[in-house]
Amino acid sequence: MHELYIAQSILETAVTHCMENGCSRIESVTVQVGLAAGVMSEALAFAFDALKGGTIAETAELIIEKITPQCVCKNCLEIFEPAEVFLTSCPNCLSSDVNITKGFELQLLQLEAL
């Protein structure tokens, strides 16, 4: 349910930034969400749509770019995309000593406004 607060923060940031720059309507908001970030994209989109009414983002589309996790094995330095983020082992040497290097992203990437 934290997606509601994330959507609220994204919306507030977008509205504030656009109003400060003289824009009167937001067309789209693009965010990056890593699949290891613990955010459900569908819930985030639903919350954004529920919150945007009555704001300059009322007709805005929320575009979510999903980032696939990536790991590096500390043992053999193999770089791989894990099938499961938190239960993973290296496909090359089977070591479970890995670093997740990508997939925790949660950031506002782009605003399109008029």
Foldseek 3Di string as FASTA:
>chain_A
DCLLVLLVVQLVVQQVVCVVVPFQAWAEWEKEAFPPQPDDPVVNQVSNQVPCPPGSDNNYHYHYHYKFKWKAAPPPRDIDGAPDDPDGADPPPRHPRMDTDDRNGTGTDDIDTD
